[in-house]
C-alpha cells in the first residue's frame, strides 16, 4: 500500500499544474457551437490524458492507465489509474467555463483514491479510502438538509436515452419532474463529477443522474469522495452503487461503460426523500422490488 499512497500523493501534487493547463487551453479553444454527437472528444481530452499518463508512468512502474479515450490507454499492472481528462468537453467547445478533470486509483477492484479538479474555481476535491474527503485540504461532509431546503443537482434524460428506450426516458423524466416539484431548487449542469462533489461538500443535498449517458469515468472518483463525506448511494432499482462496484465495470462491457441504471447520491435526509419519490414515480416490472428496497 505504500506504493499506492506515494502514487496518490504524486497525483495530488500534479493537480495545480493540470488545473492551469486545462483553464489556459479552454480559453484558447476555437469555439464550435453546433455538433451532431452526444459525446465529443477534442484535442484537449488527449492532451490532458497524455500529460497525466506521461508523468505517472515516468515515476511509477506496474501502473495501468485507463483513460476514457481508448487510444490513450497504456501501461500494465494491478494498480489502475482511471482518468476522465476533461469532463465537460462540450462546454469547452461552446466557450462555457464549466469543466473538470477526474482521476482515481484502483487496486484489486477497490477504489482507494479519487481526485476531481475544478480548474476555473481552483477547487481540488480528493479522498483516500477510509480516511475522509477533503476540499483544498479541509475535511468536508454532506449536509443534513432535505431537498426542500437545499439544492438538488441533476442530469436529466437525454435524447440518446429516448432513442434507446422511450419508455425508460418517460419514467426517468417523471422522476426528475417529481424531484423538481419538491425541491428548493434543482440544477442541471451536465458535469457529473462536479455535481457529485458539490453533494460531498454540502453545497447541494443530492445528485440525481438520469441521463442514460453517465459513464464510469465520469463519477467513479467523485463517488469515493462523496462516500467518504457521508453520502448514501443507489441506482434506480435500489441497488447500492459504490466507487468500488463501479470499478468492476472495467472488466466487462464496451469502452464507454455506460451506467444506464441511473445514479442517486445524497445526504441521509435527502436520500430518503428521493427514495420515496422514486417509489412513487418510477413504475414498471421492478416496482414491487423498489418499494421493498426503500421501506
C-alpha atoms as a PDB file:
ATOM      1  CA  UNK A   1       0.000   0.000   0.000  1.00  0.00           C
ATOM      2  CA  UNK A   2       2.988   2.297   0.401  1.00  0.00           C
ATOM      3  CA  UNK A   3       3.392   2.492  -3.371  1.00  0.00           C
ATOM      4  CA  UNK A   4      -0.296   3.344  -3.766  1.00  0.00           C
ATOM      5  CA  UNK A   5      -0.019   6.089  -1.151  1.00  0.00           C
ATOM      6  CA  UNK A   6       3.016   7.509  -2.939  1.00  0.00           C
ATOM      7  CA  UNK A   7       1.193   7.369  -6.271  1.00  0.00           C
ATOM      8  CA  UNK A   8      -1.884   9.082  -4.838  1.00  0.00           C
ATOM      9  CA  UNK A   9       0.181  11.873  -3.281  1.00  0.00           C
ATOM     10  CA  UNK A  10       2.062  12.296  -6.555  1.00  0.00           C
ATOM     11  CA  UNK A  11      -1.221  12.657  -8.469  1.00  0.00           C
ATOM     12  CA  UNK A  12      -2.491  15.169  -5.920  1.00  0.00           C
ATOM     13  CA  UNK A  13       0.720  17.137  -6.310  1.00  0.00           C
ATOM     14  CA  UNK A  14       0.113  17.417 -10.071  1.00  0.00           C
ATOM     15  CA  UNK A  15      -3.388  18.864  -9.596  1.00  0.00           C
ATOM     16  CA  UNK A  16      -2.487  22.596  -9.662  1.00  0.00           C
ATOM     17  CA  UNK A  17      -0.461  22.216 -12.873  1.00  0.00           C
ATOM     18  CA  UNK A  18      -3.192  20.194 -14.588  1.00  0.00           C
ATOM     19  CA  UNK A  19      -5.727  22.782 -13.474  1.00  0.00           C
ATOM     20  CA  UNK A  20      -3.737  25.595 -15.083  1.00  0.00           C
ATOM     21  CA  UNK A  21      -3.269  23.630 -18.309  1.00  0.00           C
ATOM     22  CA  UNK A  22      -6.996  22.975 -18.654  1.00  0.00           C
ATOM     23  CA  UNK A  23      -8.006  26.558 -17.881  1.00  0.00           C
ATOM     24  CA  UNK A  24      -5.494  28.104 -20.284  1.00  0.00           C
ATOM     25  CA  UNK A  25      -6.354  25.644 -23.048  1.00  0.00           C
ATOM     26  CA  UNK A  26     -10.110  26.219 -22.661  1.00  0.00           C
ATOM     27  CA  UNK A  27      -9.632  29.933 -23.207  1.00  0.00           C
ATOM     28  CA  UNK A  28      -7.771  29.236 -26.474  1.00  0.00           C
ATOM     29  CA  UNK A  29     -10.129  26.638 -27.968  1.00  0.00           C
ATOM     30  CA  UNK A  30     -11.788  27.558 -31.243  1.00  0.00           C
ATOM     31  CA  UNK A  31     -15.455  27.595 -30.362  1.00  0.00           C
ATOM     32  CA  UNK A  32     -17.851  25.226 -32.148  1.00  0.00           C
ATOM     33  CA  UNK A  33     -21.483  25.817 -31.306  1.00  0.00           C
ATOM     34  CA  UNK A  34     -23.090  23.022 -33.296  1.00  0.00           C
ATOM     35  CA  UNK A  35     -22.133  19.374 -33.339  1.00  0.00           C
ATOM     36  CA  UNK A  36     -24.120  16.252 -34.073  1.00  0.00           C
ATOM     37  CA  UNK A  37     -22.956  13.801 -31.449  1.00  0.00           C
ATOM     38  CA  UNK A  38     -23.856  13.314 -27.800  1.00  0.00           C
ATOM     39  CA  UNK A  39     -20.210  12.987 -26.821  1.00  0.00           C
ATOM     40  CA  UNK A  40     -17.372  14.866 -28.423  1.00  0.00           C
ATOM     41  CA  UNK A  41     -13.675  14.144 -27.973  1.00  0.00           C
ATOM     42  CA  UNK A  42     -11.494  17.181 -28.539  1.00  0.00           C
ATOM     43  CA  UNK A  43      -7.678  17.527 -28.649  1.00  0.00           C
ATOM     44  CA  UNK A  44      -7.743  18.829 -25.075  1.00  0.00           C
ATOM     45  CA  UNK A  45      -9.007  15.423 -23.865  1.00  0.00           C
ATOM     46  CA  UNK A  46      -5.979  13.698 -25.359  1.00  0.00           C
ATOM     47  CA  UNK A  47      -3.591  16.447 -24.274  1.00  0.00           C
ATOM     48  CA  UNK A  48      -4.584  16.268 -20.611  1.00  0.00           C
ATOM     49  CA  UNK A  49      -4.878  12.467 -20.636  1.00  0.00           C
ATOM     50  CA  UNK A  50      -1.398  12.175 -22.156  1.00  0.00           C
ATOM     51  CA  UNK A  51       0.007  14.596 -19.587  1.00  0.00           C
ATOM     52  CA  UNK A  52      -1.366  12.564 -16.662  1.00  0.00           C
ATOM     53  CA  UNK A  53      -0.110   9.312 -18.206  1.00  0.00           C
ATOM     54  CA  UNK A  54       3.371  10.558 -19.071  1.00  0.00           C
ATOM     55  CA  UNK A  55       4.011  11.998 -15.620  1.00  0.00           C
ATOM     56  CA  UNK A  56       2.674   8.939 -13.768  1.00  0.00           C
ATOM     57  CA  UNK A  57       4.367   6.255 -15.879  1.00  0.00           C
ATOM     58  CA  UNK A  58       7.699   8.062 -15.676  1.00  0.00           C
ATOM     59  CA  UNK A  59       7.686   7.777 -11.882  1.00  0.00           C
ATOM     60  CA  UNK A  60       5.819   4.513 -11.260  1.00  0.00           C
ATOM     61  CA  UNK A  61       6.162   1.009 -12.711  1.00  0.00           C
ATOM     62  CA  UNK A  62       3.357  -1.554 -12.601  1.00  0.00           C
ATOM     63  CA  UNK A  63       0.634   1.012 -13.232  1.00  0.00           C
ATOM     64  CA  UNK A  64      -2.040   0.746 -15.920  1.00  0.00           C
ATOM     65  CA  UNK A  65      -3.556   3.915 -17.347  1.00  0.00           C
ATOM     66  CA  UNK A  66      -7.248   3.551 -18.256  1.00  0.00           C
ATOM     67  CA  UNK A  67      -8.265   6.827 -19.882  1.00  0.00           C
ATOM     68  CA  UNK A  68     -11.765   7.487 -21.175  1.00  0.00           C
ATOM     69  CA  UNK A  69     -10.365   7.771 -24.694  1.00  0.00           C
ATOM     70  CA  UNK A  70      -9.450   4.177 -25.613  1.00  0.00           C
ATOM     71  CA  UNK A  71      -6.388   5.130 -27.660  1.00  0.00           C
ATOM     72  CA  UNK A  72      -4.882   6.802 -24.588  1.00  0.00           C
ATOM     73  CA  UNK A  73      -4.713   3.599 -22.504  1.00  0.00           C
ATOM     74  CA  UNK A  74      -1.215   2.376 -21.667  1.00  0.00           C
ATOM     75  CA  UNK A  75       0.963   0.604 -19.125  1.00  0.00           C
ATOM     76  CA  UNK A  76       0.219  -2.606 -17.255  1.00  0.00           C
ATOM     77  CA  UNK A  77      -0.081  -3.865 -13.715  1.00  0.00           C
ATOM     78  CA  UNK A  78      -2.530  -4.399 -10.852  1.00  0.00           C
ATOM     79  CA  UNK A  79      -2.749  -0.710  -9.994  1.00  0.00           C
ATOM     80  CA  UNK A  80      -5.170   1.081 -12.326  1.00  0.00           C
ATOM     81  CA  UNK A  81      -5.241   4.845 -12.739  1.00  0.00           C
ATOM     82  CA  UNK A  82      -8.556   5.738 -14.371  1.00  0.00           C
ATOM     83  CA  UNK A  83      -8.861   9.172 -15.957  1.00  0.00           C
ATOM     84  CA  UNK A  84     -11.585  11.380 -17.356  1.00  0.00           C
ATOM     85  CA  UNK A  85      -9.211  14.087 -18.646  1.00  0.00           C
ATOM     86  CA  UNK A  86     -11.921  16.667 -19.344  1.00  0.00           C
ATOM     87  CA  UNK A  87     -15.446  16.145 -18.040  1.00  0.00           C
ATOM     88  CA  UNK A  88     -17.478  18.756 -19.924  1.00  0.00           C
ATOM     89  CA  UNK A  89     -15.735  18.804 -23.310  1.00  0.00           C
ATOM     90  CA  UNK A  90     -18.884  20.106 -24.993  1.00  0.00           C
ATOM     91  CA  UNK A  91     -18.880  23.060 -22.589  1.00  0.00           C
ATOM     92  CA  UNK A  92     -15.298  23.850 -23.548  1.00  0.00           C
ATOM     93  CA  UNK A  93     -16.223  23.742 -27.234  1.00  0.00           C
ATOM     94  CA  UNK A  94     -19.017  26.241 -26.673  1.00  0.00           C
ATOM     95  CA  UNK A  95     -16.964  28.589 -24.509  1.00  0.00           C
ATOM     96  CA  UNK A  96     -18.675  27.693 -21.219  1.00  0.00           C
ATOM     97  CA  UNK A  97     -16.222  27.790 -18.308  1.00  0.00           C
ATOM     98  CA  UNK A  98     -17.519  24.681 -16.565  1.00  0.00           C
ATOM     99  CA  UNK A  99     -15.320  21.596 -16.866  1.00  0.00           C
ATOM    100  CA  UNK A 100     -13.499  19.185 -14.567  1.00  0.00           C
ATOM    101  CA  UNK A 101     -10.770  16.572 -14.602  1.00  0.00           C
ATOM    102  CA  UNK A 102     -11.272  13.362 -12.635  1.00  0.00           C
ATOM    103  CA  UNK A 103      -8.757  10.672 -11.752  1.00  0.00           C
ATOM    104  CA  UNK A 104      -8.874   7.632  -9.482  1.00  0.00           C
ATOM    105  CA  UNK A 105      -6.548   4.882  -8.279  1.00  0.00           C
ATOM    106  CA  UNK A 106      -7.894   1.342  -8.111  1.00  0.00           C
ATOM    107  CA  UNK A 107      -6.210  -1.740  -6.645  1.00  0.00           C
ATOM    108  CA  UNK A 108      -7.718  -5.252  -6.818  1.00  0.00           C
ATOM    109  CA  UNK A 109     -11.141  -3.897  -7.701  1.00  0.00           C
ATOM    110  CA  UNK A 110     -11.262  -1.309  -4.914  1.00  0.00           C
ATOM    111  CA  UNK A 111     -11.028   2.428  -5.478  1.00  0.00           C
ATOM    112  CA  UNK A 112      -8.514   3.715  -2.925  1.00  0.00           C
ATOM    113  CA  UNK A 113      -8.050   7.314  -4.075  1.00  0.00           C
ATOM    114  CA  UNK A 114     -10.123   9.824  -6.016  1.00  0.00           C
ATOM    115  CA  UNK A 115      -9.436  13.376  -7.205  1.00  0.00           C
ATOM    116  CA  UNK A 116     -11.686  15.868  -9.012  1.00  0.00           C
ATOM    117  CA  UNK A 117     -10.305  19.191 -10.231  1.00  0.00           C
ATOM    118  CA  UNK A 118     -12.429  22.276 -10.916  1.00  0.00           C
ATOM    119  CA  UNK A 119      -9.900  24.423 -12.842  1.00  0.00           C
ATOM    120  CA  UNK A 120     -11.939  27.626 -13.018  1.00  0.00           C
ATOM    121  CA  UNK A 121     -12.664  27.808  -9.291  1.00  0.00           C
ATOM    122  CA  UNK A 122      -9.335  26.175  -8.375  1.00  0.00           C
ATOM    123  CA  UNK A 123     -11.153  23.737  -6.112  1.00  0.00           C
ATOM    124  CA  UNK A 124      -9.479  20.356  -5.656  1.00  0.00           C
ATOM    125  CA  UNK A 125     -11.600  17.580  -4.146  1.00  0.00           C
ATOM    126  CA  UNK A 126      -9.990  14.335  -3.031  1.00  0.00           C
ATOM    127  CA  UNK A 127     -10.445  11.316  -0.808  1.00  0.00           C
ATOM    128  CA  UNK A 128      -8.481   8.319   0.383  1.00  0.00           C
ATOM    129  CA  UNK A 129     -10.432   5.151   1.172  1.00  0.00           C
ATOM    130  CA  UNK A 130     -11.458   5.145   4.849  1.00  0.00           C
ATOM    131  CA  UNK A 131      -9.609   8.417   5.531  1.00  0.00           C
ATOM    132  CA  UNK A 132     -12.233  11.061   4.780  1.00  0.00           C
ATOM    133  CA  UNK A 133     -12.910  13.571   1.996  1.00  0.00           C
ATOM    134  CA  UNK A 134     -11.230  16.924   1.501  1.00  0.00           C
ATOM    135  CA  UNK A 135     -11.595  20.189  -0.400  1.00  0.00           C
ATOM    136  CA  UNK A 136      -8.327  22.108  -0.752  1.00  0.00           C
ATOM    137  CA  UNK A 137      -7.045  20.353   2.363  1.00  0.00           C
ATOM    138  CA  UNK A 138     -10.102  20.881   4.580  1.00  0.00           C
ATOM    139  CA  UNK A 139     -12.316  17.949   5.536  1.00  0.00           C
ATOM    140  CA  UNK A 140     -15.821  18.039   4.039  1.00  0.00           C
ATOM    141  CA  UNK A 141     -19.132  16.396   4.921  1.00  0.00           C
ATOM    142  CA  UNK A 142     -22.523  16.082   3.227  1.00  0.00           C
ATOM    143  CA  UNK A 143     -25.238  18.342   4.576  1.00  0.00           C
ATOM    144  CA  UNK A 144     -28.145  17.038   6.659  1.00  0.00           C
ATOM    145  CA  UNK A 145     -30.794  19.098   4.838  1.00  0.00           C
ATOM    146  CA  UNK A 146     -33.787  17.851   2.942  1.00  0.00           C
ATOM    147  CA  UNK A 147     -34.389  18.622  -0.732  1.00  0.00           C
ATOM    148  CA  UNK A 148     -36.992  21.249   0.209  1.00  0.00           C
ATOM    149  CA  UNK A 149     -34.277  23.492   1.686  1.00  0.00           C
ATOM    150  CA  UNK A 150     -31.178  22.631  -0.349  1.00  0.00           C
ATOM    151  CA  UNK A 151     -30.104  22.398  -3.993  1.00  0.00           C
ATOM    152  CA  UNK A 152     -30.525  19.159  -5.930  1.00  0.00           C
ATOM    153  CA  UNK A 153     -28.097  18.587  -8.793  1.00  0.00           C
ATOM    154  CA  UNK A 154     -29.497  16.503 -11.637  1.00  0.00           C
ATOM    155  CA  UNK A 155     -28.758  15.207 -15.109  1.00  0.00           C
ATOM    156  CA  UNK A 156     -31.985  14.720 -16.993  1.00  0.00           C
ATOM    157  CA  UNK A 157     -32.826  12.005 -19.529  1.00  0.00           C
ATOM    158  CA  UNK A 158     -31.172  12.704 -22.882  1.00  0.00           C
ATOM    159  CA  UNK A 159     -32.205  12.222 -26.494  1.00  0.00           C
ATOM    160  CA  UNK A 160     -29.902   9.180 -26.585  1.00  0.00           C
ATOM    161  CA  UNK A 161     -31.894   7.543 -23.794  1.00  0.00           C
ATOM    162  CA  UNK A 162     -35.116   8.389 -25.645  1.00  0.00           C
ATOM    163  CA  UNK A 163     -33.889   6.710 -28.837  1.00  0.00           C
ATOM    164  CA  UNK A 164     -32.617   3.690 -26.877  1.00  0.00           C
ATOM    165  CA  UNK A 165     -35.776   3.302 -24.784  1.00  0.00           C
ATOM    166  CA  UNK A 166     -38.676   5.748 -24.971  1.00  0.00           C
ATOM    167  CA  UNK A 167     -40.334   4.005 -22.018  1.00  0.00           C
ATOM    168  CA  UNK A 168     -37.308   4.398 -19.755  1.00  0.00           C
ATOM    169  CA  UNK A 169     -36.970   8.005 -20.893  1.00  0.00           C
ATOM    170  CA  UNK A 170     -40.546   8.735 -19.804  1.00  0.00           C
ATOM    171  CA  UNK A 171     -40.096   7.076 -16.412  1.00  0.00           C
ATOM    172  CA  UNK A 172     -36.863   8.959 -15.729  1.00  0.00           C
ATOM    173  CA  UNK A 173     -38.433  12.230 -16.823  1.00  0.00           C
ATOM    174  CA  UNK A 174     -41.289  11.618 -14.394  1.00  0.00           C
ATOM    175  CA  UNK A 175     -38.820  11.079 -11.540  1.00  0.00           C
ATOM    176  CA  UNK A 176     -36.899  14.222 -12.485  1.00  0.00           C
ATOM    177  CA  UNK A 177     -40.118  16.248 -12.564  1.00  0.00           C
ATOM    178  CA  UNK A 178     -41.145  14.972  -9.134  1.00  0.00           C
ATOM    179  CA  UNK A 179     -37.787  15.998  -7.676  1.00  0.00           C
ATOM    180  CA  UNK A 180     -38.027  19.460  -9.269  1.00  0.00           C
ATOM    181  CA  UNK A 181     -41.521  19.984  -7.861  1.00  0.00           C
ATOM    182  CA  UNK A 182     -40.484  19.028  -4.344  1.00  0.00           C
ATOM    183  CA  UNK A 183     -37.026  20.604  -4.109  1.00  0.00           C
ATOM    184  CA  UNK A 184     -35.920  24.104  -3.115  1.00  0.00           C
ATOM    185  CA  UNK A 185     -34.082  24.481  -6.427  1.00  0.00           C
ATOM    186  CA  UNK A 186     -32.601  21.967  -8.851  1.00  0.00           C
ATOM    187  CA  UNK A 187     -29.774  22.480 -11.303  1.00  0.00           C
ATOM    188  CA  UNK A 188     -28.700  20.515 -14.386  1.00  0.00           C
ATOM    189  CA  UNK A 189     -25.115  21.459 -15.301  1.00  0.00           C
ATOM    190  CA  UNK A 190     -24.006  18.410 -17.287  1.00  0.00           C
ATOM    191  CA  UNK A 191     -20.775  17.753 -15.350  1.00  0.00           C
ATOM    192  CA  UNK A 192     -21.422  14.719 -13.165  1.00  0.00           C
ATOM    193  CA  UNK A 193     -18.102  14.721 -11.332  1.00  0.00           C
ATOM    194  CA  UNK A 194     -18.566  18.279 -10.060  1.00  0.00           C
ATOM    195  CA  UNK A 195     -22.232  17.723  -9.242  1.00  0.00           C
ATOM    196  CA  UNK A 196     -21.357  14.763  -7.015  1.00  0.00           C
ATOM    197  CA  UNK A 197     -18.546  16.749  -5.357  1.00  0.00           C
ATOM    198  CA  UNK A 198     -20.973  19.564  -4.542  1.00  0.00           C
ATOM    199  CA  UNK A 199     -23.043  17.000  -2.679  1.00  0.00           C
ATOM    200  CA  UNK A 200     -19.889  15.833  -0.884  1.00  0.00           C
ATOM    201  CA  UNK A 201     -19.061  19.357   0.334  1.00  0.00           C
ATOM    202  CA  UNK A 202     -22.646  20.048   1.407  1.00  0.00           C
ATOM    203  CA  UNK A 203     -23.368  22.696  -1.236  1.00  0.00           C
ATOM    204  CA  UNK A 204     -26.203  20.505  -2.555  1.00  0.00           C
ATOM    205  CA  UNK A 205     -28.215  17.828  -0.802  1.00  0.00           C
ATOM    206  CA  UNK A 206     -28.405  15.343  -3.690  1.00  0.00           C
ATOM    207  CA  UNK A 207     -27.323  14.353  -7.188  1.00  0.00           C
ATOM    208  CA  UNK A 208     -29.738  12.577  -9.489  1.00  0.00           C
ATOM    209  CA  UNK A 209     -28.153  11.136 -12.644  1.00  0.00           C
ATOM    210  CA  UNK A 210     -30.819  10.087 -15.145  1.00  0.00           C
ATOM    211  CA  UNK A 211     -29.126  10.925 -18.448  1.00  0.00           C
ATOM    212  CA  UNK A 212     -28.519   7.366 -19.630  1.00  0.00           C
ATOM    213  CA  UNK A 213     -25.080   8.536 -20.817  1.00  0.00           C
ATOM    214  CA  UNK A 214     -23.247   8.698 -17.475  1.00  0.00           C
ATOM    215  CA  UNK A 215     -20.034   6.680 -17.657  1.00  0.00           C
ATOM    216  CA  UNK A 216     -17.752   5.006 -15.176  1.00  0.00           C
ATOM    217  CA  UNK A 217     -15.086   7.636 -15.851  1.00  0.00           C
ATOM    218  CA  UNK A 218     -17.494  10.488 -15.088  1.00  0.00           C
ATOM    219  CA  UNK A 219     -18.227   9.720 -11.451  1.00  0.00           C
ATOM    220  CA  UNK A 220     -16.038   6.900 -10.063  1.00  0.00           C
ATOM    221  CA  UNK A 221     -13.560   9.230  -8.363  1.00  0.00           C
ATOM    222  CA  UNK A 222     -16.294  11.674  -7.284  1.00  0.00           C
ATOM    223  CA  UNK A 223     -18.310   8.834  -5.810  1.00  0.00           C
ATOM    224  CA  UNK A 224     -15.453   7.840  -3.492  1.00  0.00           C
ATOM    225  CA  UNK A 225     -15.232  11.474  -2.369  1.00  0.00           C
ATOM    226  CA  UNK A 226     -18.992  11.543  -1.677  1.00  0.00           C
ATOM    227  CA  UNK A 227     -18.892   8.209   0.185  1.00  0.00           C
ATOM    228  CA  UNK A 228     -16.064   9.425   2.392  1.00  0.00           C
ATOM    229  CA  UNK A 229     -18.081  12.585   3.071  1.00  0.00           C
ATOM    230  CA  UNK A 230     -21.053  10.516   4.274  1.00  0.00           C
ATOM    231  CA  UNK A 231     -23.275  10.254   1.187  1.00  0.00           C
ATOM    232  CA  UNK A 232     -25.668   7.394   0.518  1.00  0.00           C
ATOM    233  CA  UNK A 233     -25.935   5.954  -2.998  1.00  0.00           C
ATOM    234  CA  UNK A 234     -28.039   3.648  -5.123  1.00  0.00           C
ATOM    235  CA  UNK A 235     -29.324   3.037  -8.642  1.00  0.00           C
ATOM    236  CA  UNK A 236     -32.957   3.249  -9.776  1.00  0.00           C
ATOM    237  CA  UNK A 237     -33.544  -0.358  -8.794  1.00  0.00           C
ATOM    238  CA  UNK A 238     -32.445   0.362  -5.238  1.00  0.00           C
ATOM    239  CA  UNK A 239     -29.120  -1.438  -5.563  1.00  0.00           C
ATOM    240  CA  UNK A 240     -26.221   0.250  -3.764  1.00  0.00           C
ATOM    241  CA  UNK A 241     -23.646   1.840  -6.071  1.00  0.00           C
ATOM    242  CA  UNK A 242     -20.173   2.378  -4.668  1.00  0.00           C
ATOM    243  CA  UNK A 243     -16.965   3.597  -6.230  1.00  0.00           C
ATOM    244  CA  UNK A 244     -15.602   0.057  -5.985  1.00  0.00           C
ATOM    245  CA  UNK A 245     -18.679  -1.551  -7.557  1.00  0.00           C
ATOM    246  CA  UNK A 246     -18.249   0.864 -10.462  1.00  0.00           C
ATOM    247  CA  UNK A 247     -14.603  -0.180 -10.770  1.00  0.00           C
ATOM    248  CA  UNK A 248     -15.763  -3.705 -11.563  1.00  0.00           C
ATOM    249  CA  UNK A 249     -17.317  -2.393 -14.787  1.00  0.00           C
ATOM    250  CA  UNK A 250     -13.804  -2.053 -16.186  1.00  0.00           C
ATOM    251  CA  UNK A 251     -13.742  -5.837 -16.580  1.00  0.00           C
ATOM    252  CA  UNK A 252     -16.803  -6.016 -18.793  1.00  0.00           C
ATOM    253  CA  UNK A 253     -18.778  -4.108 -21.383  1.00  0.00           C
ATOM    254  CA  UNK A 254     -17.569  -1.731 -24.068  1.00  0.00           C
ATOM    255  CA  UNK A 255     -15.055   1.032 -23.773  1.00  0.00           C
ATOM    256  CA  UNK A 256     -17.702   3.594 -22.789  1.00  0.00           C
ATOM    257  CA  UNK A 257     -19.012   1.559 -19.805  1.00  0.00           C
ATOM    258  CA  UNK A 258     -22.325   3.408 -19.534  1.00  0.00           C
ATOM    259  CA  UNK A 259     -24.209   3.417 -16.233  1.00  0.00           C
ATOM    260  CA  UNK A 260     -27.679   3.260 -17.745  1.00  0.00           C
ATOM    261  CA  UNK A 261     -29.213   2.231 -14.416  1.00  0.00           C
ATOM    262  CA  UNK A 262     -29.327   5.779 -13.077  1.00  0.00           C
ATOM    263  CA  UNK A 263     -27.404   7.120 -10.103  1.00  0.00           C
ATOM    264  CA  UNK A 264     -28.525   8.753  -6.843  1.00  0.00           C
ATOM    265  CA  UNK A 265     -26.015  10.331  -4.443  1.00  0.00           C
ATOM    266  CA  UNK A 266     -27.375  12.204  -1.429  1.00  0.00           C
ATOM    267  CA  UNK A 267     -27.108  13.099   2.211  1.00  0.00           C
ATOM    268  CA  UNK A 268     -29.192  10.937   4.599  1.00  0.00           C
ATOM    269  CA  UNK A 269     -32.401  13.008   4.712  1.00  0.00           C
ATOM    270  CA  UNK A 270     -32.392  13.875   1.007  1.00  0.00           C
ATOM    271  CA  UNK A 271     -31.692  10.246   0.124  1.00  0.00           C
ATOM    272  CA  UNK A 272     -34.789   9.082   1.983  1.00  0.00           C
ATOM    273  CA  UNK A 273     -36.913  11.787   0.335  1.00  0.00           C
ATOM    274  CA  UNK A 274     -35.730  10.946  -3.178  1.00  0.00           C
ATOM    275  CA  UNK A 275     -36.197   7.245  -2.451  1.00  0.00           C
ATOM    276  CA  UNK A 276     -39.835   7.948  -1.617  1.00  0.00           C
ATOM    277  CA  UNK A 277     -40.323   9.974  -4.815  1.00  0.00           C
ATOM    278  CA  UNK A 278     -38.660   7.214  -6.777  1.00  0.00           C
ATOM    279  CA  UNK A 279     -41.002   4.625  -5.289  1.00  0.00           C
ATOM    280  CA  UNK A 280     -43.985   6.769  -6.236  1.00  0.00           C
ATOM    281  CA  UNK A 281     -42.912   7.706  -9.762  1.00  0.00           C
ATOM    282  CA  UNK A 282     -40.619   5.029 -11.168  1.00  0.00           C
ATOM    283  CA  UNK A 283     -43.018   2.241 -12.092  1.00  0.00           C
ATOM    284  CA  UNK A 284     -42.548  -0.917 -14.092  1.00  0.00           C
ATOM    285  CA  UNK A 285     -41.810  -4.576 -13.543  1.00  0.00           C
ATOM    286  CA  UNK A 286     -39.367  -3.725 -10.737  1.00  0.00           C
ATOM    287  CA  UNK A 287     -41.837  -1.526  -8.848  1.00  0.00           C
ATOM    288  CA  UNK A 288     -42.510  -4.026  -6.049  1.00  0.00           C
ATOM    289  CA  UNK A 289     -38.812  -4.672  -5.609  1.00  0.00           C
ATOM    290  CA  UNK A 290     -38.076  -0.947  -5.432  1.00  0.00           C
ATOM    291  CA  UNK A 291     -40.832  -0.416  -2.856  1.00  0.00           C
ATOM    292  CA  UNK A 292     -39.431  -3.206  -0.664  1.00  0.00           C
ATOM    293  CA  UNK A 293     -35.911  -1.890  -1.008  1.00  0.00           C
ATOM    294  CA  UNK A 294     -36.817   1.639   0.052  1.00  0.00           C
ATOM    295  CA  UNK A 295     -39.037   0.848   3.033  1.00  0.00           C
END
